[in-house]
Amino acid sequence: MVDYSIFPLDDKMKDKLAKLEISYAFQPIFHPDGKEIFAYEALMRPKDISVLDLIEKFRANDDLHTLEVATIFGAVQCYSRRGYDSYIAINSFPAESFTDEEQRIFDDFYAKVLGDKGIIEILEYTALDIDKWQAKKGTINKSNFHIALDDFGTGNNNMLAVDVFAPNIVKLDRSLISGINDNIDMQENYLYYRDKFHSRGIKVLAEGIETKEEFDYLRENGIDLVQGFYLGRPS
């Protein structure tokens, strides 16, 4: 479990974090050879509740900010404990950002641990607050972190989101690649997005790869990064 007590956050935040029982699993993201690890995605594992139900609980209480703090501090604590030295991809809400004090505390603990190996993954199912996004983006740029757009093709993550967030990486949702090796329409769709994103200097990541055939097609057709149960499960 994450130990939030070590962070000198304000008392109100510490009280809320103390009630959370959260651990993290990490799923590898590979270069297109499927062997060399590029990053690990930190996947929240709350106790006795699903991730989506936990998010909905905090959203209903208008307190996604607490979950943002819990996610980023917790994911990097677990990453540090494991001694990883690859990039870490951390899920993040587009409408939330750290306060100046929270950012200072985070940097005190983890700036040297992470260096420039942070990837902030923008989730697809919460609304955008443009002012908070600009604050978050300023911090991301200062830290030399990458921005990834999660689950492209679902929820709010579409071409408009690409324009708004200007990501370094776009993660194609499983729905865009499931069975792609046998589906000409899906292949044409993939090639369109691949070329469009590459023309803007954006890496394309295929997530949710579950078969050798899907992996082989993508590897042979210019994918930049790959992720899925076929290649490596969360652990």
Foldseek 3Di string as FASTA:
>chain_A
DFDPVVFPDDPVLSVVLVPWAKAWWWFFKAFLVLPHTQETETDIDTPPDDPVVVCVVCVVVVHVQSVQLCQPVRSVVNVVVVVDDHAYETEHEQAYDDDPVSLVRCCVPPLVVCQQRYEYEYDQADDHDLVRNVVRVVVNVVSNYFYEYPQEPDHNRYVVVCVSNVGQEYEHHCVLQVVVLPDPVSVVVVLVVLVVQVVSNHAYEYEADDDPSSSVVCSVRDHGMYTHVVSTDID
